[in-house]
Amino acid sequence: MPEEPAQNISGGIEGDGRAVEFPRGEPATRAEAVIDRLGGLYWQKQYGGQDAFTCLVRTILSQNTSDVASQPAHNSLVARYGKEDLAAVLADAAHDDLAATIKSAGLYNQKATVIIDAASRILDEYGSAAAFDEFVRDENPATVRPALLDIRGVGPKTADCVLLFAGGRDGVFPVDTHIHRIYRRMGIAPPDADHEEVREVLERDVPAAKCGFGHTASIQFGREYCTARKPACLDDPDACPLADLCDQIGVYPVAGEFVDPADAA
């Protein structure tokens, strides 16, 4: 397995998760074969242990933007408000002050409202961030996920990231725009599947213990190879390390063109 770069979606060597290595075996599905290949190309990790409220805030900041924009916003938030009793501090934060602090994340007025509302909701319902963290870690995911989705501004991907990175739950495969694109292009999910339908396919066809690193490694693959605007196979079919596992739905190398898989003939 190659050495993990210091900066990547998985947090790098000093970042989130702990390295694991799964025994080699015949994959039961094509989706598992893809994840196994990505595990050899990038990393195999297990996740969990982040503070649930901090993870929620970080994921809200990352919505509709890149790590390059959201990470400085998170750093600024921590520098301004600290790490101790963060939910209590943010529940009482002035909206304009918080918005200015997280400006680099984009949509900062909207995100400031969501974060303040989430902090207040968590304190009202759980009493403290520590109790919320315990809820995320210990309760049945079938109970936790709907509770997270009931928080204003929290969608399926945000809820699943909290379950994965804070709760350490196996079998959770958050779906972002990269993953939505990749697995429809490959033909593993239906070409017109929405984000939730892609998630259902992956959580069904990928072993539970491999879903976590499957999520982060797939995002890395989407950034490096199966990009939105110029997939590697468009110019050179051999340039993609997953070419033999891919149906290239909506990608036409001969014509040098591509479309969203849902629009493919």
Protein backbone atom coordinates (compact mmCIF):
# COMPACT_ATOMS: atom_id res chain seq x y z
CA MET A 1 0.00 0.00 0.00
CA PRO A 2 1.46 3.44 -0.92
CA GLU A 3 2.49 5.87 1.79
CA GLU A 4 -0.40 8.08 2.74
CA PRO A 5 0.06 11.75 1.80
CA ALA A 6 0.02 14.26 4.62
CA GLN A 7 -3.01 16.14 3.26
CA ASN A 8 -6.07 14.34 1.96
CA ILE A 9 -9.76 13.80 2.66
CA SER A 10 -8.86 11.19 5.28
CA GLY A 11 -6.86 13.67 7.32
CA GLY A 12 -3.41 12.35 6.49
CA ILE A 13 -1.10 10.28 8.65
CA GLU A 14 -1.80 12.49 11.68
CA GLY A 15 -5.49 12.83 10.90
CA ASP A 16 -8.65 10.87 11.37
CA GLY A 17 -8.88 7.11 11.64
CA ARG A 18 -6.50 4.29 12.28
CA ALA A 19 -4.91 2.13 9.65
CA VAL A 20 -6.25 -1.38 9.18
CA GLU A 21 -5.60 -4.07 6.63
CA PHE A 22 -8.22 -6.50 5.47
CA PRO A 23 -7.26 -10.01 4.38
CA ARG A 24 -7.31 -10.55 0.65
CA GLY A 25 -10.24 -12.51 -0.64
CA GLU A 26 -12.54 -12.75 -3.61
CA PRO A 27 -14.93 -9.77 -3.55
CA ALA A 28 -18.58 -10.73 -3.44
CA THR A 29 -19.74 -7.76 -5.56
CA ARG A 30 -18.29 -5.37 -8.11
CA ALA A 31 -18.71 -2.57 -5.58
CA GLU A 32 -16.54 -4.49 -3.12
CA ALA A 33 -13.96 -5.07 -5.86
CA VAL A 34 -13.82 -1.31 -6.44
CA ILE A 35 -13.36 -0.59 -2.74
CA ASP A 36 -10.64 -3.24 -2.46
CA ARG A 37 -8.81 -1.66 -5.40
CA LEU A 38 -9.11 1.79 -3.84
CA GLY A 39 -7.86 0.38 -0.54
CA GLY A 40 -4.68 -0.72 -2.29
CA LEU A 41 -4.36 2.55 -4.18
CA TYR A 42 -4.92 4.81 -1.17
CA TRP A 43 -5.60 3.57 2.38
CA GLN A 44 -7.60 1.22 4.52
CA LYS A 45 -8.82 2.80 7.75
CA GLN A 46 -11.43 2.57 10.43
CA TYR A 47 -13.01 5.72 11.78
CA GLY A 48 -14.70 6.99 14.92
CA GLY A 49 -13.77 8.96 17.99
CA GLN A 50 -14.37 12.52 16.85
CA ASP A 51 -16.49 14.64 19.17
CA ALA A 52 -20.00 14.46 17.70
CA PHE A 53 -20.86 18.16 17.94
CA THR A 54 -17.47 19.24 16.58
CA CYS A 55 -17.88 16.74 13.74
CA LEU A 56 -21.35 18.13 13.03
CA VAL A 57 -20.00 21.69 12.86
CA ARG A 58 -17.11 20.69 10.61
CA THR A 59 -19.45 18.89 8.24
CA ILE A 60 -21.87 21.82 8.10
CA LEU A 61 -18.93 24.08 7.20
CA SER A 62 -17.94 21.68 4.41
CA GLN A 63 -21.36 21.76 2.74
CA ASN A 64 -21.24 23.05 -0.84
CA THR A 65 -17.55 23.87 -0.64
CA SER A 66 -14.09 22.30 -0.61
CA ASP A 67 -11.71 21.37 2.21
CA VAL A 68 -9.51 24.24 1.07
CA ALA A 69 -12.30 26.64 2.05
CA SER A 70 -13.90 24.82 4.98
CA GLN A 71 -10.80 23.88 6.96
CA PRO A 72 -9.63 27.50 7.45
CA ALA A 73 -13.19 28.36 8.53
CA HIS A 74 -13.10 25.62 11.14
CA ASN A 75 -9.66 26.74 12.32
CA SER A 76 -10.95 30.30 12.66
CA LEU A 77 -14.01 29.12 14.57
CA VAL A 78 -11.89 27.19 17.07
CA ALA A 79 -9.47 30.12 17.44
CA ARG A 80 -12.37 32.52 18.08
CA TYR A 81 -14.60 30.37 20.30
CA GLY A 82 -12.29 27.67 21.67
CA LYS A 83 -12.91 23.93 22.02
CA GLU A 84 -14.33 23.77 25.54
CA ASP A 85 -18.13 23.75 25.85
CA LEU A 86 -18.33 24.63 22.18
CA ALA A 87 -22.05 23.87 21.87
CA ALA A 88 -22.89 26.15 24.80
CA VAL A 89 -20.64 28.90 23.44
CA LEU A 90 -22.05 28.72 19.91
CA ALA A 91 -25.64 28.56 21.10
CA ASP A 92 -25.08 32.07 22.55
CA ALA A 93 -22.89 33.35 19.71
CA ALA A 94 -23.86 36.51 17.86
CA HIS A 95 -24.89 35.54 14.33
CA ASP A 96 -22.90 38.26 12.57
CA ASP A 97 -19.76 37.50 14.57
CA LEU A 98 -19.95 33.78 13.77
CA ALA A 99 -20.72 34.49 10.11
CA ALA A 100 -17.64 36.71 9.82
CA THR A 101 -15.52 34.06 11.53
CA ILE A 102 -16.50 31.30 9.08
CA LYS A 103 -16.64 33.48 5.97
CA SER A 104 -14.07 31.42 4.05
CA ALA A 105 -16.48 28.44 4.01
CA GLY A 106 -18.98 30.27 1.79
CA LEU A 107 -22.71 30.59 2.46
CA TYR A 108 -21.53 31.90 5.82
CA ASN A 109 -24.75 33.64 6.85
CA GLN A 110 -26.76 30.48 6.22
CA LYS A 111 -24.18 28.23 7.90
CA ALA A 112 -23.95 30.50 10.94
CA THR A 113 -27.71 30.22 11.41
CA VAL A 114 -27.60 26.44 11.05
CA ILE A 115 -24.73 26.08 13.54
CA ILE A 116 -26.34 28.31 16.18
CA ASP A 117 -29.68 26.51 15.77
CA ALA A 118 -27.99 23.10 15.97
CA ALA A 119 -26.11 24.07 19.14
CA SER A 120 -29.30 25.31 20.79
CA ARG A 121 -31.24 22.24 19.72
CA ILE A 122 -28.59 19.87 21.08
CA LEU A 123 -28.46 21.65 24.43
CA ASP A 124 -32.26 21.67 24.67
CA GLU A 125 -32.71 18.01 23.76
CA TYR A 126 -29.61 16.34 25.23
CA GLY A 127 -28.52 18.77 27.92
CA SER A 128 -24.90 18.94 26.80
CA ALA A 129 -22.57 18.20 23.92
CA ALA A 130 -21.20 15.26 25.93
CA ALA A 131 -24.65 13.70 26.18
CA PHE A 132 -25.17 14.27 22.44
CA ASP A 133 -21.82 12.57 21.78
CA GLU A 134 -22.89 9.59 23.89
CA PHE A 135 -26.19 9.41 21.97
CA VAL A 136 -24.38 9.34 18.62
CA ARG A 137 -21.94 6.67 19.75
CA ASP A 138 -24.23 4.35 21.71
CA GLU A 139 -27.75 4.49 20.32
CA ASN A 140 -28.93 2.39 17.40
CA PRO A 141 -28.03 4.12 14.10
CA ALA A 142 -31.66 3.65 13.05
CA THR A 143 -32.51 6.02 15.90
CA VAL A 144 -29.54 8.38 15.55
CA ARG A 145 -29.82 9.07 11.82
CA PRO A 146 -33.43 10.36 11.88
CA ALA A 147 -32.60 12.47 14.95
CA LEU A 148 -29.69 14.07 13.10
CA LEU A 149 -31.79 14.62 9.98
CA ASP A 150 -34.36 16.42 12.11
CA ILE A 151 -31.81 19.15 12.90
CA ARG A 152 -32.28 22.12 10.61
CA GLY A 153 -29.69 22.18 7.82
CA VAL A 154 -28.55 18.59 8.34
CA GLY A 155 -28.98 16.40 5.27
CA PRO A 156 -28.19 12.72 4.67
CA LYS A 157 -24.49 13.22 3.92
CA THR A 158 -23.95 15.34 7.04
CA ALA A 159 -25.83 12.86 9.23
CA ASP A 160 -23.88 9.93 7.81
CA CYS A 161 -20.54 11.69 8.31
CA VAL A 162 -21.39 12.21 11.99
CA LEU A 163 -22.35 8.54 12.30
CA LEU A 164 -19.08 7.49 10.63
CA PHE A 165 -16.46 9.87 11.99
CA ALA A 166 -17.92 10.43 15.47
CA GLY A 167 -19.97 7.30 15.99
CA GLY A 168 -17.48 4.97 14.31
CA ARG A 169 -20.38 3.03 12.80
CA ASP A 170 -19.60 0.29 10.31
CA GLY A 171 -21.89 0.01 7.34
CA VAL A 172 -22.28 3.79 6.88
CA PHE A 173 -21.24 5.07 3.43
CA PRO A 174 -21.83 8.85 3.15
CA VAL A 175 -22.49 9.99 -0.40
CA ASP A 176 -21.19 13.32 -1.65
CA THR A 177 -21.10 14.68 -5.20
CA HIS A 178 -17.95 12.69 -6.09
CA ILE A 179 -19.41 9.39 -4.93
CA HIS A 180 -22.75 10.12 -6.57
CA ARG A 181 -20.93 10.68 -9.88
CA ILE A 182 -18.43 7.81 -9.65
CA TYR A 183 -20.73 4.91 -8.90
CA ARG A 184 -23.30 5.91 -11.52
CA ARG A 185 -20.56 6.28 -14.12
CA MET A 186 -19.26 2.86 -13.21
CA GLY A 187 -22.69 1.31 -13.60
CA ILE A 188 -22.74 0.08 -10.01
CA ALA A 189 -25.71 2.31 -9.18
CA PRO A 190 -28.49 3.12 -11.66
CA PRO A 191 -27.62 6.09 -13.90
CA ASP A 192 -30.59 8.10 -12.62
CA ALA A 193 -30.13 7.20 -8.94
CA ASP A 194 -30.25 10.05 -6.46
CA HIS A 195 -27.79 10.36 -3.56
CA GLU A 196 -29.87 8.21 -1.23
CA GLU A 197 -30.30 5.47 -3.82
CA VAL A 198 -26.53 5.38 -4.42
CA ARG A 199 -26.00 5.12 -0.66
CA GLU A 200 -28.41 2.20 -0.43
CA VAL A 201 -26.59 0.33 -3.20
CA LEU A 202 -23.17 0.85 -1.63
CA GLU A 203 -24.25 -0.03 1.90
CA ARG A 204 -25.85 -3.19 0.49
CA ASP A 205 -22.93 -4.28 -1.71
CA VAL A 206 -19.87 -3.19 0.32
CA PRO A 207 -19.00 -5.07 3.53
CA ALA A 208 -19.83 -2.94 6.56
CA ALA A 209 -16.23 -2.70 7.81
CA LYS A 210 -15.06 -1.36 4.42
CA CYS A 211 -17.68 1.39 4.05
CA GLY A 212 -15.74 4.02 6.02
CA PHE A 213 -12.53 4.01 4.03
CA GLY A 214 -14.62 3.30 0.93
CA HIS A 215 -16.14 6.75 1.43
CA THR A 216 -12.88 8.66 1.92
CA ALA A 217 -10.90 6.72 -0.71
CA SER A 218 -13.68 7.17 -3.27
CA ILE A 219 -13.59 10.93 -2.75
CA GLN A 220 -9.83 10.94 -3.29
CA PHE A 221 -10.31 8.90 -6.47
CA GLY A 222 -12.97 11.35 -7.66
CA ARG A 223 -10.58 14.24 -7.18
CA GLU A 224 -7.64 12.58 -8.90
CA TYR A 225 -9.16 10.42 -11.65
CA CYS A 226 -12.95 10.41 -12.05
CA THR A 227 -13.34 14.17 -12.00
CA ALA A 228 -16.55 15.98 -12.89
CA ARG A 229 -15.13 17.89 -15.86
CA LYS A 230 -12.46 15.61 -17.29
CA PRO A 231 -12.39 11.95 -16.22
CA ALA A 232 -9.00 10.35 -16.79
CA CYS A 233 -10.45 7.76 -19.19
CA LEU A 234 -11.66 10.45 -21.58
CA ASP A 235 -8.20 10.89 -23.13
CA ASP A 236 -6.60 7.58 -22.16
CA PRO A 237 -8.68 4.54 -21.15
CA ASP A 238 -5.61 3.05 -19.48
CA ALA A 239 -5.05 6.10 -17.27
CA CYS A 240 -7.70 5.03 -14.77
CA PRO A 241 -6.76 2.35 -12.22
CA LEU A 242 -10.40 1.19 -12.14
CA ALA A 243 -10.96 1.04 -15.91
CA ASP A 244 -11.56 -2.71 -15.95
CA LEU A 245 -14.32 -2.37 -13.33
CA CYS A 246 -16.11 0.56 -14.96
CA ASP A 247 -18.96 0.68 -17.51
CA GLN A 248 -18.15 4.32 -18.43
CA ILE A 249 -21.80 5.36 -18.36
CA GLY A 250 -22.02 8.73 -20.08
CA VAL A 251 -18.30 8.85 -20.97
CA TYR A 252 -17.44 8.60 -24.67
CA PRO A 253 -13.64 8.57 -25.21
CA VAL A 254 -13.87 8.23 -29.01
CA ALA A 255 -15.91 11.41 -29.25
CA GLY A 256 -14.04 13.07 -26.39
CA GLU A 257 -17.32 13.83 -24.70
CA PHE A 258 -19.13 13.05 -21.47
CA VAL A 259 -22.53 13.68 -19.93
CA ASP A 260 -24.17 13.02 -16.60
CA PRO A 261 -24.95 9.29 -16.42
CA ALA A 262 -28.66 10.11 -16.11
CA ASP A 263 -28.47 11.77 -19.55
CA ALA A 264 -26.59 8.92 -21.24
CA ALA A 265 -28.30 7.18 -24.12
